[in-house]
PDB file of all heavy atoms in Angstrom:
ATOM      1  N   MET A   1       0.806  -1.211   0.000  1.00  0.00           N
ATOM      2  CA  MET A   1       0.000   0.000   0.000  1.00  0.00           C
ATOM      3  C   MET A   1       0.847   1.272   0.000  1.00  0.00           C
ATOM      4  O   MET A   1       0.323   2.373  -0.129  1.00  0.00           O
ATOM      5  CB  MET A   1      -0.923   0.020   1.233  1.00  0.00           C
ATOM      6  CG  MET A   1      -1.900  -1.126   1.293  1.00  0.00           C
ATOM      7  SD  MET A   1      -2.680  -1.291   2.934  1.00  0.00           S
ATOM      8  CE  MET A   1      -3.525   0.277   3.100  1.00  0.00           C
ATOM      9  N   VAL A   2       2.145   1.111   0.163  1.00  0.00           N
ATOM     10  CA  VAL A   2       3.052   2.247   0.307  1.00  0.00           C
ATOM     11  C   VAL A   2       3.896   2.392  -0.960  1.00  0.00           C
ATOM     12  O   VAL A   2       4.188   1.401  -1.637  1.00  0.00           O
ATOM     13  CB  VAL A   2       3.961   2.047   1.547  1.00  0.00           C
ATOM     14  CG1 VAL A   2       4.918   3.216   1.728  1.00  0.00           C
ATOM     15  CG2 VAL A   2       3.108   1.859   2.801  1.00  0.00           C
ATOM     16  N   SER A   3       4.271   3.611  -1.292  1.00  0.00           N
ATOM     17  CA  SER A   3       5.120   3.854  -2.460  1.00  0.00           C
ATOM     18  C   SER A   3       6.330   2.926  -2.449  1.00  0.00           C
ATOM     19  O   SER A   3       6.990   2.762  -1.418  1.00  0.00           O
ATOM     20  CB  SER A   3       5.591   5.312  -2.465  1.00  0.00           C
ATOM     21  OG  SER A   3       6.611   5.503  -3.435  1.00  0.00           O
ATOM     22  N   THR A   4       6.609   2.325  -3.587  1.00  0.00           N
ATOM     23  CA  THR A   4       7.743   1.393  -3.676  1.00  0.00           C
ATOM     24  C   THR A   4       9.061   2.076  -3.324  1.00  0.00           C
ATOM     25  O   THR A   4      10.036   1.410  -2.950  1.00  0.00           O
ATOM     26  CB  THR A   4       7.843   0.789  -5.091  1.00  0.00           C
ATOM     27  OG1 THR A   4       7.892   1.866  -6.062  1.00  0.00           O
ATOM     28  CG2 THR A   4       6.666  -0.108  -5.388  1.00  0.00           C
ATOM     29  N   GLU A   5       9.112   3.414  -3.425  1.00  0.00           N
ATOM     30  CA  GLU A   5      10.311   4.153  -3.039  1.00  0.00           C
ATOM     31  C   GLU A   5      10.640   3.966  -1.566  1.00  0.00           C
ATOM     32  O   GLU A   5      11.795   4.051  -1.159  1.00  0.00           O
ATOM     33  CB  GLU A   5      10.138   5.655  -3.312  1.00  0.00           C
ATOM     34  CG  GLU A   5      10.120   6.045  -4.773  1.00  0.00           C
ATOM     35  CD  GLU A   5      10.019   7.553  -4.923  1.00  0.00           C
ATOM     36  OE1 GLU A   5       9.361   8.186  -4.065  1.00  0.00           O
ATOM     37  OE2 GLU A   5      10.582   8.094  -5.878  1.00  0.00           O
ATOM     38  N   LEU A   6       9.599   3.719  -0.766  1.00  0.00           N
ATOM     39  CA  LEU A   6       9.776   3.635   0.683  1.00  0.00           C
ATOM     40  C   LEU A   6       9.854   2.198   1.200  1.00  0.00           C
ATOM     41  O   LEU A   6      10.035   1.985   2.394  1.00  0.00           O
ATOM     42  CB  LEU A   6       8.600   4.339   1.379  1.00  0.00           C
ATOM     43  CG  LEU A   6       8.516   5.852   1.196  1.00  0.00           C
ATOM     44  CD1 LEU A   6       7.181   6.367   1.706  1.00  0.00           C
ATOM     45  CD2 LEU A   6       9.653   6.553   1.925  1.00  0.00           C
ATOM     46  N   VAL A   7       9.739   1.236   0.304  1.00  0.00           N
ATOM     47  CA  VAL A   7       9.668  -0.159   0.736  1.00  0.00           C
ATOM     48  C   VAL A   7      10.868  -0.946   0.248  1.00  0.00           C
ATOM     49  O   VAL A   7      11.188  -0.942  -0.943  1.00  0.00           O
ATOM     50  CB  VAL A   7       8.360  -0.820   0.231  1.00  0.00           C
ATOM     51  CG1 VAL A   7       8.268  -2.251   0.722  1.00  0.00           C
ATOM     52  CG2 VAL A   7       7.155  -0.026   0.698  1.00  0.00           C
ATOM     53  N   ASP A   8      11.520  -1.639   1.171  1.00  0.00           N
ATOM     54  CA  ASP A   8      12.648  -2.487   0.807  1.00  0.00           C
ATOM     55  C   ASP A   8      12.186  -3.559  -0.177  1.00  0.00           C
ATOM     56  O   ASP A   8      11.078  -4.103  -0.051  1.00  0.00           O
ATOM     57  CB  ASP A   8      13.221  -3.145   2.073  1.00  0.00           C
ATOM     58  CG  ASP A   8      14.515  -3.890   1.800  1.00  0.00           C
ATOM     59  OD1 ASP A   8      14.436  -5.091   1.458  1.00  0.00           O
ATOM     60  OD2 ASP A   8      15.592  -3.276   1.920  1.00  0.00           O
ATOM     61  N   SER A   9      13.019  -3.857  -1.152  1.00  0.00           N
ATOM     62  CA  SER A   9      12.637  -4.792  -2.212  1.00  0.00           C
ATOM     63  C   SER A   9      12.258  -6.170  -1.684  1.00  0.00           C
ATOM     64  O   SER A   9      11.475  -6.892  -2.309  1.00  0.00           O
ATOM     65  CB  SER A   9      13.784  -4.933  -3.223  1.00  0.00           C
ATOM     66  OG  SER A   9      14.956  -5.426  -2.584  1.00  0.00           O
ATOM     67  N   THR A  10      12.771  -6.542  -0.506  1.00  0.00           N
ATOM     68  CA  THR A  10      12.491  -7.870   0.046  1.00  0.00           C
ATOM     69  C   THR A  10      11.059  -8.005   0.570  1.00  0.00           C
ATOM     70  O   THR A  10      10.587  -9.125   0.797  1.00  0.00           O
ATOM     71  CB  THR A  10      13.473  -8.201   1.184  1.00  0.00           C
ATOM     72  OG1 THR A  10      13.321  -7.219   2.223  1.00  0.00           O
ATOM     73  CG2 THR A  10      14.907  -8.201   0.688  1.00  0.00           C
ATOM     74  N   ILE A  11      10.365  -6.864   0.779  1.00  0.00           N
ATOM     75  CA  ILE A  11       9.008  -6.941   1.323  1.00  0.00           C
ATOM     76  C   ILE A  11       7.990  -6.175   0.470  1.00  0.00           C
ATOM     77  O   ILE A  11       6.851  -5.970   0.885  1.00  0.00           O
ATOM     78  CB  ILE A  11       8.952  -6.426   2.776  1.00  0.00           C
ATOM     79  CG1 ILE A  11       9.458  -4.975   2.855  1.00  0.00           C
ATOM     80  CG2 ILE A  11       9.736  -7.328   3.709  1.00  0.00           C
ATOM     81  CD1 ILE A  11       9.235  -4.345   4.224  1.00  0.00           C
ATOM     82  N   GLN A  12       8.372  -5.764  -0.717  1.00  0.00           N
ATOM     83  CA  GLN A  12       7.496  -4.933  -1.558  1.00  0.00           C
ATOM     84  C   GLN A  12       6.164  -5.591  -1.899  1.00  0.00           C
ATOM     85  O   GLN A  12       5.174  -4.896  -2.115  1.00  0.00           O
ATOM     86  CB  GLN A  12       8.216  -4.548  -2.851  1.00  0.00           C
ATOM     87  CG  GLN A  12       9.135  -3.355  -2.693  1.00  0.00           C
ATOM     88  CD  GLN A  12       9.786  -2.958  -4.013  1.00  0.00           C
ATOM     89  OE1 GLN A  12       9.552  -3.591  -5.048  1.00  0.00           O
ATOM     90  NE2 GLN A  12      10.600  -1.927  -3.981  1.00  0.00           N
ATOM     91  N   TYR A  13       6.123  -6.904  -1.920  1.00  0.00           N
ATOM     92  CA  TYR A  13       4.900  -7.602  -2.336  1.00  0.00           C
ATOM     93  C   TYR A  13       4.099  -8.148  -1.153  1.00  0.00           C
ATOM     94  O   TYR A  13       3.143  -8.880  -1.347  1.00  0.00           O
ATOM     95  CB  TYR A  13       5.253  -8.731  -3.304  1.00  0.00           C
ATOM     96  CG  TYR A  13       5.990  -8.226  -4.522  1.00  0.00           C
ATOM     97  CD1 TYR A  13       7.362  -8.371  -4.654  1.00  0.00           C
ATOM     98  CD2 TYR A  13       5.304  -7.519  -5.522  1.00  0.00           C
ATOM     99  CE1 TYR A  13       8.045  -7.867  -5.761  1.00  0.00           C
ATOM    100  CE2 TYR A  13       5.971  -7.016  -6.627  1.00  0.00           C
ATOM    101  CZ  TYR A  13       7.341  -7.192  -6.741  1.00  0.00           C
ATOM    102  OH  TYR A  13       8.007  -6.677  -7.831  1.00  0.00           O
ATOM    103  N   GLN A  14       4.482  -7.747   0.042  1.00  0.00           N
ATOM    104  CA  GLN A  14       3.779  -8.219   1.234  1.00  0.00           C
ATOM    105  C   GLN A  14       2.440  -7.487   1.374  1.00  0.00           C
ATOM    106  O   GLN A  14       2.398  -6.272   1.477  1.00  0.00           O
ATOM    107  CB  GLN A  14       4.636  -7.991   2.484  1.00  0.00           C
ATOM    108  CG  GLN A  14       4.034  -8.575   3.752  1.00  0.00           C
ATOM    109  CD  GLN A  14       4.951  -8.393   4.955  1.00  0.00           C
ATOM    110  OE1 GLN A  14       6.168  -8.365   4.817  1.00  0.00           O
ATOM    111  NE2 GLN A  14       4.371  -8.259   6.131  1.00  0.00           N
ATOM    112  N   LYS A  15       1.340  -8.244   1.400  1.00  0.00           N
ATOM    113  CA  LYS A  15      -0.003  -7.666   1.419  1.00  0.00           C
ATOM    114  C   LYS A  15      -0.659  -7.674   2.790  1.00  0.00           C
ATOM    115  O   LYS A  15      -1.674  -7.008   3.000  1.00  0.00           O
ATOM    116  CB  LYS A  15      -0.901  -8.422   0.440  1.00  0.00           C
ATOM    117  CG  LYS A  15      -0.470  -8.297  -1.015  1.00  0.00           C
ATOM    118  CD  LYS A  15      -1.433  -9.043  -1.920  1.00  0.00           C
ATOM    119  CE  LYS A  15      -1.027  -8.913  -3.386  1.00  0.00           C
ATOM    120  NZ  LYS A  15      -1.964  -9.649  -4.276  1.00  0.00           N
ATOM    121  N   LYS A  16      -0.110  -8.432   3.734  1.00  0.00           N
ATOM    122  CA  LYS A  16      -0.715  -8.492   5.069  1.00  0.00           C
ATOM    123  C   LYS A  16       0.313  -8.949   6.104  1.00  0.00           C
ATOM    124  O   LYS A  16       1.423  -9.365   5.768  1.00  0.00           O
ATOM    125  CB  LYS A  16      -1.915  -9.426   5.076  1.00  0.00           C
ATOM    126  CG  LYS A  16      -1.650 -10.832   4.548  1.00  0.00           C
ATOM    127  CD  LYS A  16      -2.951 -11.622   4.486  1.00  0.00           C
ATOM    128  CE  LYS A  16      -2.712 -13.016   3.923  1.00  0.00           C
ATOM    129  NZ  LYS A  16      -3.976 -13.807   3.871  1.00  0.00           N
ATOM    130  N   TYR A  17      -0.082  -8.804   7.348  1.00  0.00           N
ATOM    131  CA  TYR A  17       0.701  -9.243   8.504  1.00  0.00           C
ATOM    132  C   TYR A  17       1.958  -8.411   8.767  1.00  0.00           C
ATOM    133  O   TYR A  17       2.835  -8.839   9.507  1.00  0.00           O
ATOM    134  CB  TYR A  17       1.102 -10.725   8.387  1.00  0.00           C
ATOM    135  CG  TYR A  17      -0.050 -11.665   8.151  1.00  0.00           C
ATOM    136  CD1 TYR A  17      -0.006 -12.599   7.123  1.00  0.00           C
ATOM    137  CD2 TYR A  17      -1.191 -11.619   8.955  1.00  0.00           C
ATOM    138  CE1 TYR A  17      -1.069 -13.466   6.903  1.00  0.00           C
ATOM    139  CE2 TYR A  17      -2.262 -12.470   8.735  1.00  0.00           C
ATOM    140  CZ  TYR A  17      -2.193 -13.392   7.712  1.00  0.00           C
ATOM    141  OH  TYR A  17      -3.258 -14.243   7.493  1.00  0.00           O
ATOM    142  N   HIS A  18       2.063  -7.213   8.175  1.00  0.00           N
ATOM    143  CA  HIS A  18       3.245  -6.405   8.438  1.00  0.00           C
ATOM    144  C   HIS A  18       3.179  -5.809   9.844  1.00  0.00           C
ATOM    145  O   HIS A  18       2.199  -5.178  10.219  1.00  0.00           O
ATOM    146  CB  HIS A  18       3.381  -5.271   7.418  1.00  0.00           C
ATOM    147  CG  HIS A  18       4.625  -4.446   7.623  1.00  0.00           C
ATOM    148  ND1 HIS A  18       5.873  -4.909   7.267  1.00  0.00           N
ATOM    149  CD2 HIS A  18       4.808  -3.205   8.153  1.00  0.00           C
ATOM    150  CE1 HIS A  18       6.773  -3.987   7.568  1.00  0.00           C
ATOM    151  NE2 HIS A  18       6.152  -2.944   8.117  1.00  0.00           N
ATOM    152  N   LYS A  19       4.240  -6.024  10.606  1.00  0.00           N
ATOM    153  CA  LYS A  19       4.334  -5.479  11.958  1.00  0.00           C
ATOM    154  C   LYS A  19       5.741  -4.932  12.204  1.00  0.00           C
ATOM    155  O   LYS A  19       6.690  -5.303  11.514  1.00  0.00           O
ATOM    156  CB  LYS A  19       4.016  -6.565  13.001  1.00  0.00           C
ATOM    157  CG  LYS A  19       2.575  -7.048  12.986  1.00  0.00           C
ATOM    158  CD  LYS A  19       2.328  -8.051  14.090  1.00  0.00           C
ATOM    159  CE  LYS A  19       0.903  -8.586  14.067  1.00  0.00           C
ATOM    160  NZ  LYS A  19      -0.084  -7.541  14.388  1.00  0.00           N
ATOM    161  N   ILE A  20       5.837  -4.053  13.201  1.00  0.00           N
ATOM    162  CA  ILE A  20       7.131  -3.507  13.580  1.00  0.00           C
ATOM    163  C   ILE A  20       7.947  -4.604  14.249  1.00  0.00           C
ATOM    164  O   ILE A  20       7.459  -5.293  15.152  1.00  0.00           O
ATOM    165  CB  ILE A  20       6.966  -2.310  14.547  1.00  0.00           C
ATOM    166  CG1 ILE A  20       6.019  -1.257  13.945  1.00  0.00           C
ATOM    167  CG2 ILE A  20       8.330  -1.710  14.870  1.00  0.00           C
ATOM    168  CD1 ILE A  20       6.406  -0.761  12.566  1.00  0.00           C
ATOM    169  N   ALA A  21       9.180  -4.771  13.812  1.00  0.00           N
ATOM    170  CA  ALA A  21      10.045  -5.827  14.342  1.00  0.00           C
ATOM    171  C   ALA A  21      10.468  -5.534  15.782  1.00  0.00           C
ATOM    172  O   ALA A  21      10.428  -4.385  16.242  1.00  0.00           O
ATOM    173  CB  ALA A  21      11.283  -5.968  13.456  1.00  0.00           C
ATOM    174  N   ASP A  22      10.873  -6.578  16.481  1.00  0.00           N
ATOM    175  CA  ASP A  22      11.427  -6.407  17.825  1.00  0.00           C
ATOM    176  C   ASP A  22      12.694  -5.559  17.744  1.00  0.00           C
ATOM    177  O   ASP A  22      13.410  -5.592  16.733  1.00  0.00           O
ATOM    178  CB  ASP A  22      11.778  -7.762  18.435  1.00  0.00           C
ATOM    179  CG  ASP A  22      10.546  -8.593  18.767  1.00  0.00           C
ATOM    180  OD1 ASP A  22       9.473  -7.996  18.977  1.00  0.00           O
ATOM    181  OD2 ASP A  22      10.661  -9.823  18.807  1.00  0.00           O
ATOM    182  N   PHE A  23      12.974  -4.825  18.809  1.00  0.00           N
ATOM    183  CA  PHE A  23      14.197  -4.020  18.834  1.00  0.00           C
ATOM    184  C   PHE A  23      14.723  -3.913  20.255  1.00  0.00           C
ATOM    185  O   PHE A  23      14.002  -4.148  21.230  1.00  0.00           O
ATOM    186  CB  PHE A  23      13.936  -2.625  18.260  1.00  0.00           C
ATOM    187  CG  PHE A  23      12.862  -1.837  18.967  1.00  0.00           C
ATOM    188  CD1 PHE A  23      13.126  -1.128  20.126  1.00  0.00           C
ATOM    189  CD2 PHE A  23      11.561  -1.816  18.465  1.00  0.00           C
ATOM    190  CE1 PHE A  23      12.135  -0.413  20.783  1.00  0.00           C
ATOM    191  CE2 PHE A  23      10.553  -1.098  19.110  1.00  0.00           C
ATOM    192  CZ  PHE A  23      10.845  -0.392  20.275  1.00  0.00           C
ATOM    193  N   SER A  24      15.985  -3.559  20.362  1.00  0.00           N
ATOM    194  CA  SER A  24      16.614  -3.313  21.660  1.00  0.00           C
ATOM    195  C   SER A  24      17.598  -2.169  21.483  1.00  0.00           C
ATOM    196  O   SER A  24      18.649  -2.329  20.864  1.00  0.00           O
ATOM    197  CB  SER A  24      17.337  -4.577  22.156  1.00  0.00           C
ATOM    198  OG  SER A  24      17.935  -4.336  23.422  1.00  0.00           O
ATOM    199  N   LEU A  25      17.247  -1.001  22.017  1.00  0.00           N
ATOM    200  CA  LEU A  25      18.049   0.202  21.864  1.00  0.00           C
ATOM    201  C   LEU A  25      18.192   0.882  23.222  1.00  0.00           C
ATOM    202  O   LEU A  25      17.605   0.430  24.213  1.00  0.00           O
ATOM    203  CB  LEU A  25      17.395   1.134  20.840  1.00  0.00           C
ATOM    204  CG  LEU A  25      17.270   0.536  19.423  1.00  0.00           C
ATOM    205  CD1 LEU A  25      16.265   1.319  18.578  1.00  0.00           C
ATOM    206  CD2 LEU A  25      18.637   0.509  18.739  1.00  0.00           C
ATOM    207  N   THR A  26      18.975   1.946  23.288  1.00  0.00           N
ATOM    208  CA  THR A  26      19.263   2.608  24.560  1.00  0.00           C
ATOM    209  C   THR A  26      18.767   4.044  24.532  1.00  0.00           C
ATOM    210  O   THR A  26      19.039   4.774  23.580  1.00  0.00           O
ATOM    211  CB  THR A  26      20.780   2.595  24.845  1.00  0.00           C
ATOM    212  OG1 THR A  26      21.259   1.252  24.759  1.00  0.00           O
ATOM    213  CG2 THR A  26      21.076   3.149  26.225  1.00  0.00           C
ATOM    214  N   ASN A  27      18.054   4.455  25.575  1.00  0.00           N
ATOM    215  CA  ASN A  27      17.484   5.804  25.573  1.00  0.00           C
ATOM    216  C   ASN A  27      18.386   6.835  26.245  1.00  0.00           C
ATOM    217  O   ASN A  27      19.515   6.532  26.655  1.00  0.00           O
ATOM    218  CB  ASN A  27      16.078   5.799  26.189  1.00  0.00           C
ATOM    219  CG  ASN A  27      16.082   5.750  27.707  1.00  0.00           C
ATOM    220  OD1 ASN A  27      17.124   5.590  28.366  1.00  0.00           O
ATOM    221  ND2 ASN A  27      14.914   5.893  28.295  1.00  0.00           N
ATOM    222  N   GLN A  28      17.870   8.044  26.381  1.00  0.00           N
ATOM    223  CA  GLN A  28      18.634   9.175  26.900  1.00  0.00           C
ATOM    224  C   GLN A  28      19.063   9.014  28.357  1.00  0.00           C
ATOM    225  O   GLN A  28      19.913   9.755  28.843  1.00  0.00           O
ATOM    226  CB  GLN A  28      17.836  10.473  26.740  1.00  0.00           C
ATOM    227  CG  GLN A  28      16.550  10.553  27.580  1.00  0.00           C
ATOM    228  CD  GLN A  28      15.330  10.054  26.841  1.00  0.00           C
ATOM    229  OE1 GLN A  28      15.425   9.246  25.921  1.00  0.00           O
ATOM    230  NE2 GLN A  28      14.154  10.553  27.221  1.00  0.00           N
ATOM    231  N   ASN A  29      18.477   8.037  29.041  1.00  0.00           N
ATOM    232  CA  ASN A  29      18.846   7.783  30.431  1.00  0.00           C
ATOM    233  C   ASN A  29      19.707   6.535  30.588  1.00  0.00           C
ATOM    234  O   ASN A  29      19.969   6.093  31.709  1.00  0.00           O
ATOM    235  CB  ASN A  29      17.578   7.650  31.288  1.00  0.00           C
ATOM    236  CG  ASN A  29      16.773   8.938  31.296  1.00  0.00           C
ATOM    237  OD1 ASN A  29      17.331  10.016  31.482  1.00  0.00           O
ATOM    238  ND2 ASN A  29      15.470   8.836  31.097  1.00  0.00           N
ATOM    239  N   GLY A  30      20.135   5.965  29.453  1.00  0.00           N
ATOM    240  CA  GLY A  30      20.961   4.758  29.504  1.00  0.00           C
ATOM    241  C   GLY A  30      20.146   3.500  29.734  1.00  0.00           C
ATOM    242  O   GLY A  30      20.704   2.423  29.967  1.00  0.00           O
ATOM    243  N   LYS A  31      18.822   3.606  29.638  1.00  0.00           N
ATOM    244  CA  LYS A  31      17.952   2.447  29.836  1.00  0.00           C
ATOM    245  C   LYS A  31      17.737   1.707  28.525  1.00  0.00           C
ATOM    246  O   LYS A  31      17.584   2.333  27.470  1.00  0.00           O
ATOM    247  CB  LYS A  31      16.596   2.916  30.385  1.00  0.00           C
ATOM    248  CG  LYS A  31      15.585   1.790  30.562  1.00  0.00           C
ATOM    249  CD  LYS A  31      14.216   2.337  30.938  1.00  0.00           C
ATOM    250  CE  LYS A  31      13.168   1.216  30.972  1.00  0.00           C
ATOM    251  NZ  LYS A  31      11.810   1.716  31.265  1.00  0.00           N
ATOM    252  N   THR A  32      17.735   0.385  28.586  1.00  0.00           N
ATOM    253  CA  THR A  32      17.441  -0.416  27.405  1.00  0.00           C
ATOM    254  C   THR A  32      15.946  -0.340  27.107  1.00  0.00           C
ATOM    255  O   THR A  32      15.106  -0.607  27.979  1.00  0.00           O
ATOM    256  CB  THR A  32      17.842  -1.885  27.618  1.00  0.00           C
ATOM    257  OG1 THR A  32      19.255  -1.953  27.837  1.00  0.00           O
ATOM    258  CG2 THR A  32      17.492  -2.734  26.400  1.00  0.00           C
ATOM    259  N   ILE A  33      15.633   0.040  25.883  1.00  0.00           N
ATOM    260  CA  ILE A  33      14.247   0.186  25.454  1.00  0.00           C
ATOM    261  C   ILE A  33      13.937  -0.899  24.424  1.00  0.00           C
ATOM    262  O   ILE A  33      14.652  -1.059  23.438  1.00  0.00           O
ATOM    263  CB  ILE A  33      13.994   1.572  24.829  1.00  0.00           C
ATOM    264  CG1 ILE A  33      14.289   2.673  25.838  1.00  0.00           C
ATOM    265  CG2 ILE A  33      12.557   1.680  24.297  1.00  0.00           C
ATOM    266  CD1 ILE A  33      13.389   2.665  27.063  1.00  0.00           C
ATOM    267  N   THR A  34      12.877  -1.645  24.670  1.00  0.00           N
ATOM    268  CA  THR A  34      12.463  -2.701  23.743  1.00  0.00           C
ATOM    269  C   THR A  34      10.984  -2.511  23.392  1.00  0.00           C
ATOM    270  O   THR A  34      10.331  -1.589  23.898  1.00  0.00           O
ATOM    271  CB  THR A  34      12.646  -4.097  24.359  1.00  0.00           C
ATOM    272  OG1 THR A  34      11.680  -4.272  25.412  1.00  0.00           O
ATOM    273  CG2 THR A  34      14.056  -4.284  24.921  1.00  0.00           C
TER     274      THR A  34
END
């Protein structure tokens, strides 16, 4: 549903079930954010 310019070629044909992947990063207080 999104412009192909914004979609990685590996998922361009995905029509359903798209979700934000798990992540583990660090915030401004040094806390791990997931």
